[in-house]
Amino acid sequence: MSIWRVDLGPILLAVVLLGGCLADEKRQGVPVETSAPVSALPGGVRVLHREEAGEFRFVAYGDTREPAPNLQEELLARIVAEEVPFVFHTGDIVSSAGEHSWKIFDLFHGPLMQSKALFFPVLGNHDYVHLSTDPADNRMEPYFRRFPQVQGNYWYSVRQGPALFLMMDTNQDYRRGSPQYGWLERELHQVGSARFVVVICHVPVISSYSPILHPLRNAHPDLKALFARVRQPDLVLSGHNHGYERFEEKGTQYITTAGGGSPLYSKMEKPFFNYVRVNVGSAVMAVETIGFLPDKKQWEIIDRVDLPGRQVSPERN
């Protein structure tokens, strides 16, 4: 057990956290209130475009909202030590959207935020949860203030060398006909010279376990149909279901990396704290997952897969 003291101005919060334990899945199964889908939110901007850049590496991880102090510190230290130029977060960054939760994030993530890595997150359902009773309190202000690189967008894209990253917000409507669906369709039609397409979203498109019934889950058939009609992503990275698992469908690898510190779900294929390390080359994208094995009490590579780059037909440029 660890006790952390977080200075919230007039309140001194003592955070008592138990590391390395599995979640109480009945408690975790209680639906979490999220905002209703809003079609007028800003989204769809290419916040970074470096088409001519060469090979690079990145790390992805998620669900850091209830940090297990020792293991989350180890995980974040390992990510910093990777010295990658990009880090992607698959959502549920904090327990709630209030400033108190973001100060806990600052406490644990300080070294990573101060590193040279560019940090690109997607929003999870907990990142919308707001405990404040003040209607004038902007629930998303702490998020956008900490991550100016997303330029106020709820969904956005990043192009780095041979890879195109499509960063979705699964709290907002992404069914066929929605603004987010339209943006995703345009991006998939215009991948240009990108040899790899990576979709990053919070709620998994494919998963063996669903502790929380997501209100937009019926959008997943639309999403799969879009992929099949326009362009299958090479990799889809998600969070939400605490642990790790990987599936392959129609040439797309679907990975859930949600082991960033929140209590783990024992029913997941690999209920381990984990992060994904990716080397993006000109011809192959090499994906490795590093997980903490509780029996061995050490971090090891628990999964790996190599994804060949694709040639894009001229009519889809």
Protein backbone atom coordinates (compact mmCIF):
# COMPACT_ATOMS: atom_id res chain seq x y z
CA MET A 1 0.00 0.00 0.00
CA SER A 2 1.20 3.53 -0.80
CA ILE A 3 -0.10 6.87 0.41
CA TRP A 4 0.33 9.97 -1.75
CA ARG A 5 -0.41 13.52 -0.63
CA VAL A 6 -1.63 15.83 -3.36
CA ASP A 7 -1.83 19.58 -2.74
CA LEU A 8 -5.11 20.90 -4.14
CA GLY A 9 -4.86 24.37 -2.66
CA PRO A 10 -7.34 24.54 0.24
CA ILE A 11 -7.62 20.74 0.26
CA LEU A 12 -4.87 18.28 1.05
CA LEU A 13 -5.87 15.00 -0.51
CA ALA A 14 -4.40 11.77 0.81
CA VAL A 15 -4.55 9.21 -1.97
CA VAL A 16 -4.40 5.63 -0.71
CA LEU A 17 -3.61 3.29 -3.57
CA LEU A 18 -3.15 -0.47 -3.70
CA GLY A 19 -0.79 -1.62 -6.43
CA GLY A 20 -0.80 -4.82 -8.45
CA CYS A 21 -4.31 -5.99 -7.60
CA LEU A 22 -7.12 -7.10 -9.87
CA ALA A 23 -10.24 -5.00 -10.12
CA ASP A 24 -13.50 -5.74 -8.41
CA GLU A 25 -15.29 -6.39 -11.68
CA LYS A 26 -18.78 -6.02 -10.23
CA ARG A 27 -17.84 -2.52 -9.12
CA GLN A 28 -16.15 -1.80 -12.44
CA GLY A 29 -19.29 -2.97 -14.25
CA VAL A 30 -21.34 -0.01 -13.02
CA PRO A 31 -21.96 2.21 -16.07
CA VAL A 32 -19.93 5.41 -16.01
CA GLU A 33 -21.74 8.59 -16.90
CA THR A 34 -20.36 10.28 -19.99
CA SER A 35 -21.45 13.30 -21.94
CA ALA A 36 -24.11 12.87 -24.60
CA PRO A 37 -22.71 12.84 -28.14
CA VAL A 38 -22.39 16.37 -29.47
CA SER A 39 -22.06 16.93 -33.22
CA ALA A 40 -20.76 20.50 -33.04
CA LEU A 41 -17.52 19.76 -31.19
CA PRO A 42 -14.27 20.69 -32.95
CA GLY A 43 -12.43 17.81 -34.58
CA GLY A 44 -10.75 16.57 -37.71
CA VAL A 45 -7.61 18.71 -37.83
CA ARG A 46 -4.21 17.33 -38.90
CA VAL A 47 -2.24 18.59 -35.90
CA LEU A 48 1.13 17.34 -37.16
CA HIS A 49 2.27 16.56 -40.71
CA ARG A 50 5.79 15.32 -41.39
CA GLU A 51 5.38 13.32 -44.56
CA GLU A 52 9.06 13.22 -45.46
CA ALA A 53 10.26 11.97 -42.07
CA GLY A 54 11.92 8.56 -41.98
CA GLU A 55 11.77 5.61 -39.64
CA PHE A 56 10.79 6.27 -36.03
CA ARG A 57 9.59 4.59 -32.83
CA PHE A 58 6.61 5.20 -30.58
CA VAL A 59 5.02 3.88 -27.40
CA ALA A 60 1.31 3.45 -26.65
CA TYR A 61 -0.38 2.77 -23.32
CA GLY A 62 -3.59 3.67 -21.53
CA ASP A 63 -5.96 3.63 -18.55
CA THR A 64 -3.81 5.40 -16.00
CA ARG A 65 -6.76 6.83 -14.09
CA GLU A 66 -6.27 4.97 -10.78
CA PRO A 67 -2.50 4.69 -10.52
CA ALA A 68 -0.95 1.70 -8.80
CA PRO A 69 1.97 3.76 -7.46
CA ASN A 70 4.92 1.37 -7.62
CA LEU A 71 4.00 -0.30 -10.90
CA GLN A 72 2.80 2.84 -12.65
CA GLU A 73 6.01 4.60 -11.66
CA GLU A 74 7.99 1.67 -13.07
CA LEU A 75 5.94 1.65 -16.26
CA LEU A 76 6.33 5.38 -16.81
CA ALA A 77 10.05 5.22 -16.03
CA ARG A 78 10.41 2.49 -18.64
CA ILE A 79 8.55 4.59 -21.21
CA VAL A 80 10.81 7.58 -20.50
CA ALA A 81 13.86 5.29 -20.82
CA GLU A 82 12.67 4.16 -24.27
CA GLU A 83 13.50 7.70 -25.49
CA VAL A 84 10.90 7.51 -28.24
CA PRO A 85 9.88 10.70 -30.08
CA PHE A 86 6.15 9.92 -29.77
CA VAL A 87 3.90 8.61 -27.01
CA PHE A 88 0.21 7.83 -27.58
CA HIS A 89 -2.31 7.41 -24.76
CA THR A 90 -5.41 5.27 -25.39
CA GLY A 91 -7.64 7.17 -22.95
CA ASP A 92 -8.94 7.21 -19.38
CA ILE A 93 -6.00 9.39 -18.52
CA VAL A 94 -7.63 10.44 -15.23
CA SER A 95 -10.45 9.23 -12.99
CA SER A 96 -12.57 12.31 -13.63
CA ALA A 97 -12.31 15.57 -15.53
CA GLY A 98 -11.85 17.72 -12.42
CA GLU A 99 -8.60 19.47 -11.65
CA HIS A 100 -8.04 17.26 -8.58
CA SER A 101 -7.62 14.17 -10.79
CA TRP A 102 -5.37 16.03 -13.19
CA LYS A 103 -3.06 16.96 -10.32
CA ILE A 104 -2.63 13.27 -9.58
CA PHE A 105 -1.79 12.79 -13.27
CA ASP A 106 0.79 15.58 -13.01
CA LEU A 107 2.34 13.93 -9.98
CA PHE A 108 2.93 10.59 -11.70
CA HIS A 109 3.49 11.75 -15.28
CA GLY A 110 5.80 14.69 -14.61
CA PRO A 111 9.00 13.05 -15.93
CA LEU A 112 7.26 11.85 -19.11
CA MET A 113 5.65 15.23 -19.75
CA GLN A 114 9.05 16.88 -19.29
CA SER A 115 10.77 14.50 -21.72
CA LYS A 116 11.31 15.24 -25.40
CA ALA A 117 8.54 12.88 -26.51
CA LEU A 118 5.49 14.38 -28.21
CA PHE A 119 2.44 13.18 -26.28
CA PHE A 120 -0.81 12.55 -28.18
CA PRO A 121 -3.86 11.29 -26.22
CA VAL A 122 -7.40 10.25 -27.04
CA LEU A 123 -10.27 10.84 -24.64
CA GLY A 124 -11.70 8.01 -22.54
CA ASN A 125 -15.05 7.93 -20.78
CA HIS A 126 -13.50 8.83 -17.42
CA ASP A 127 -11.86 11.88 -18.96
CA TYR A 128 -15.40 13.25 -19.40
CA VAL A 129 -16.68 12.46 -15.89
CA HIS A 130 -17.11 15.67 -13.96
CA LEU A 131 -17.57 15.79 -10.19
CA SER A 132 -17.88 19.56 -9.90
CA THR A 133 -21.33 21.03 -9.19
CA ASP A 134 -20.35 24.41 -10.62
CA PRO A 135 -22.04 24.76 -14.05
CA ALA A 136 -19.49 27.40 -15.04
CA ASP A 137 -16.63 24.95 -14.55
CA ASN A 138 -15.40 23.77 -17.95
CA ARG A 139 -14.81 20.04 -17.59
CA MET A 140 -12.47 19.81 -20.60
CA GLU A 141 -10.32 22.85 -19.81
CA PRO A 142 -7.69 20.91 -17.77
CA TYR A 143 -7.31 18.43 -20.64
CA PHE A 144 -6.84 20.96 -23.41
CA ARG A 145 -4.60 23.14 -21.24
CA ARG A 146 -2.22 20.25 -20.64
CA PHE A 147 -2.22 19.08 -24.25
CA PRO A 148 -2.10 22.16 -26.51
CA GLN A 149 -0.68 19.93 -29.24
CA VAL A 150 -4.18 18.57 -29.98
CA GLN A 151 -5.23 22.15 -30.80
CA GLY A 152 -8.62 21.92 -29.10
CA ASN A 153 -9.73 18.92 -31.19
CA TYR A 154 -11.71 15.99 -29.83
CA TRP A 155 -10.59 13.83 -32.77
CA TYR A 156 -7.61 14.55 -35.00
CA SER A 157 -4.83 13.03 -37.09
CA VAL A 158 -1.04 12.87 -36.97
CA ARG A 159 1.22 12.11 -39.93
CA GLN A 160 4.79 11.08 -39.22
CA GLY A 161 6.83 9.65 -42.08
CA PRO A 162 5.33 6.39 -43.35
CA ALA A 163 2.56 6.30 -40.71
CA LEU A 164 -0.79 8.04 -40.42
CA PHE A 165 -2.43 8.09 -36.97
CA LEU A 166 -6.19 8.62 -36.72
CA MET A 167 -7.09 9.66 -33.17
CA MET A 168 -10.79 9.03 -32.45
CA ASP A 169 -13.08 10.09 -29.62
CA THR A 170 -15.34 7.12 -28.88
CA ASN A 171 -17.38 9.24 -26.45
CA GLN A 172 -18.70 11.18 -29.43
CA ASP A 173 -20.82 9.78 -32.23
CA TYR A 174 -18.84 7.83 -34.81
CA ARG A 175 -21.73 6.05 -36.49
CA ARG A 176 -22.28 6.36 -40.22
CA GLY A 177 -23.48 9.89 -41.01
CA SER A 178 -21.82 11.54 -38.01
CA PRO A 179 -19.15 14.25 -38.40
CA GLN A 180 -16.50 11.97 -36.89
CA TYR A 181 -17.38 9.14 -39.28
CA GLY A 182 -17.17 11.54 -42.22
CA TRP A 183 -13.74 12.72 -41.09
CA LEU A 184 -12.51 9.15 -40.69
CA GLU A 185 -13.80 8.22 -44.16
CA ARG A 186 -12.02 11.18 -45.76
CA GLU A 187 -8.78 10.36 -43.99
CA LEU A 188 -8.91 6.72 -45.09
CA HIS A 189 -9.52 7.81 -48.68
CA GLN A 190 -6.53 10.19 -48.55
CA VAL A 191 -3.75 8.20 -46.90
CA GLY A 192 -1.42 9.35 -49.65
CA SER A 193 2.07 7.91 -49.35
CA ALA A 194 1.51 6.54 -45.85
CA ARG A 195 2.36 2.83 -45.79
CA PHE A 196 0.83 2.29 -42.35
CA VAL A 197 -2.50 3.44 -40.94
CA VAL A 198 -2.95 3.32 -37.16
CA VAL A 199 -6.32 4.04 -35.55
CA ILE A 200 -6.23 4.94 -31.84
CA CYS A 201 -9.45 4.99 -29.82
CA HIS A 202 -10.50 4.31 -26.26
CA VAL A 203 -13.25 1.69 -26.56
CA PRO A 204 -12.01 -1.49 -28.31
CA VAL A 205 -13.58 -2.41 -31.64
CA ILE A 206 -12.90 -6.08 -30.84
CA SER A 207 -12.51 -7.44 -27.32
CA SER A 208 -13.10 -10.69 -25.44
CA TYR A 209 -14.51 -8.86 -22.44
CA SER A 210 -16.81 -5.90 -21.99
CA PRO A 211 -17.29 -4.84 -18.37
CA ILE A 212 -19.08 -1.63 -19.27
CA LEU A 213 -21.85 -1.42 -21.86
CA HIS A 214 -20.78 1.46 -24.05
CA PRO A 215 -23.65 3.56 -25.48
CA LEU A 216 -22.04 3.75 -28.93
CA ARG A 217 -21.07 0.09 -29.24
CA ASN A 218 -23.54 -0.26 -32.12
CA ALA A 219 -21.20 1.98 -34.13
CA HIS A 220 -18.62 -0.79 -34.42
CA PRO A 221 -20.31 -2.53 -37.40
CA ASP A 222 -20.27 0.82 -39.21
CA LEU A 223 -16.59 1.18 -38.40
CA LYS A 224 -15.69 -2.29 -39.64
CA ALA A 225 -17.72 -1.78 -42.81
CA LEU A 226 -15.89 1.50 -43.44
CA PHE A 227 -12.52 -0.19 -43.02
CA ALA A 228 -13.50 -2.97 -45.44
CA ARG A 229 -14.86 -0.54 -48.04
CA VAL A 230 -12.08 2.05 -48.00
CA ARG A 231 -8.89 0.98 -46.23
CA GLN A 232 -8.22 -1.58 -43.52
CA PRO A 233 -6.00 -0.02 -40.85
CA ASP A 234 -2.84 -1.95 -40.16
CA LEU A 235 -3.22 -1.47 -36.43
CA VAL A 236 -6.01 -0.38 -34.08
CA LEU A 237 -4.88 0.52 -30.55
CA SER A 238 -7.49 0.81 -27.80
CA GLY A 239 -7.85 0.93 -24.02
CA HIS A 240 -10.89 0.71 -21.71
CA ASN A 241 -10.67 -3.01 -20.79
CA HIS A 242 -7.88 -3.10 -18.24
CA GLY A 243 -5.20 -5.50 -19.37
CA TYR A 244 -3.86 -6.65 -22.74
CA GLU A 245 -5.11 -8.66 -25.69
CA ARG A 246 -4.66 -8.83 -29.47
CA PHE A 247 -6.88 -10.02 -32.30
CA GLU A 248 -6.48 -10.15 -36.09
CA GLU A 249 -9.36 -9.58 -38.49
CA LYS A 250 -9.14 -8.97 -42.25
CA GLY A 251 -5.49 -7.99 -42.03
CA THR A 252 -5.93 -5.53 -39.15
CA GLN A 253 -4.32 -6.13 -35.77
CA TYR A 254 -6.59 -5.01 -32.93
CA ILE A 255 -4.68 -4.42 -29.68
CA THR A 256 -6.08 -3.42 -26.32
CA THR A 257 -3.37 -1.79 -24.20
CA ALA A 258 -5.12 -0.70 -21.03
CA GLY A 259 -2.60 -1.63 -18.37
CA GLY A 260 -1.29 1.78 -17.41
CA GLY A 261 -2.06 1.52 -13.71
CA SER A 262 -5.81 1.12 -13.26
CA PRO A 263 -7.08 -2.04 -11.50
CA LEU A 264 -6.81 -4.99 -13.88
CA TYR A 265 -9.67 -7.15 -15.15
CA SER A 266 -8.96 -10.82 -14.43
CA LYS A 267 -11.10 -11.95 -17.39
CA MET A 268 -8.82 -10.25 -19.90
CA GLU A 269 -6.57 -12.51 -21.96
CA LYS A 270 -3.48 -11.08 -20.27
CA PRO A 271 -4.40 -9.10 -17.12
CA PHE A 272 -1.01 -7.42 -16.90
CA PHE A 273 0.21 -3.85 -16.60
CA ASN A 274 1.67 -3.15 -20.04
CA TYR A 275 2.68 -0.78 -22.78
CA VAL A 276 3.22 -1.26 -26.52
CA ARG A 277 6.51 -0.38 -28.22
CA VAL A 278 6.51 0.05 -32.00
CA ASN A 279 9.31 0.51 -34.51
CA VAL A 280 8.00 2.01 -37.76
CA GLY A 281 10.30 1.17 -40.64
CA SER A 282 9.95 1.79 -44.36
CA ALA A 283 8.73 -1.75 -45.03
CA VAL A 284 7.73 -3.26 -41.66
CA MET A 285 6.10 -1.99 -38.48
CA ALA A 286 7.41 -4.12 -35.60
CA VAL A 287 5.07 -4.22 -32.59
CA GLU A 288 6.17 -5.48 -29.18
CA THR A 289 4.23 -5.45 -25.92
CA ILE A 290 6.05 -5.22 -22.63
CA GLY A 291 4.12 -6.45 -19.61
CA PHE A 292 4.70 -6.94 -15.90
CA LEU A 293 4.45 -10.63 -15.00
CA PRO A 294 3.31 -10.84 -11.36
CA ASP A 295 4.56 -14.40 -10.92
CA LYS A 296 8.08 -13.44 -11.98
CA LYS A 297 7.81 -9.89 -10.64
CA GLN A 298 9.53 -8.55 -13.72
CA TRP A 299 8.84 -6.82 -17.04
CA GLU A 300 9.10 -8.93 -20.19
CA ILE A 301 8.05 -8.90 -23.82
CA ILE A 302 4.69 -10.70 -23.70
CA ASP A 303 3.67 -10.37 -27.35
CA ARG A 304 5.08 -9.32 -30.72
CA VAL A 305 3.88 -9.06 -34.30
CA ASP A 306 5.40 -7.64 -37.50
CA LEU A 307 3.13 -5.76 -39.90
CA PRO A 308 4.23 -5.34 -43.53
CA GLY A 309 3.77 -1.93 -45.10
CA ARG A 310 1.20 -1.53 -47.86
CA GLN A 311 1.33 0.09 -51.25
CA VAL A 312 -1.50 2.57 -51.73
CA SER A 313 -3.29 2.56 -55.07
CA PRO A 314 -3.30 5.93 -56.93
CA GLU A 315 -7.10 6.24 -56.88
CA ARG A 316 -7.05 6.35 -53.07
CA ASN A 317 -4.54 9.19 -52.84
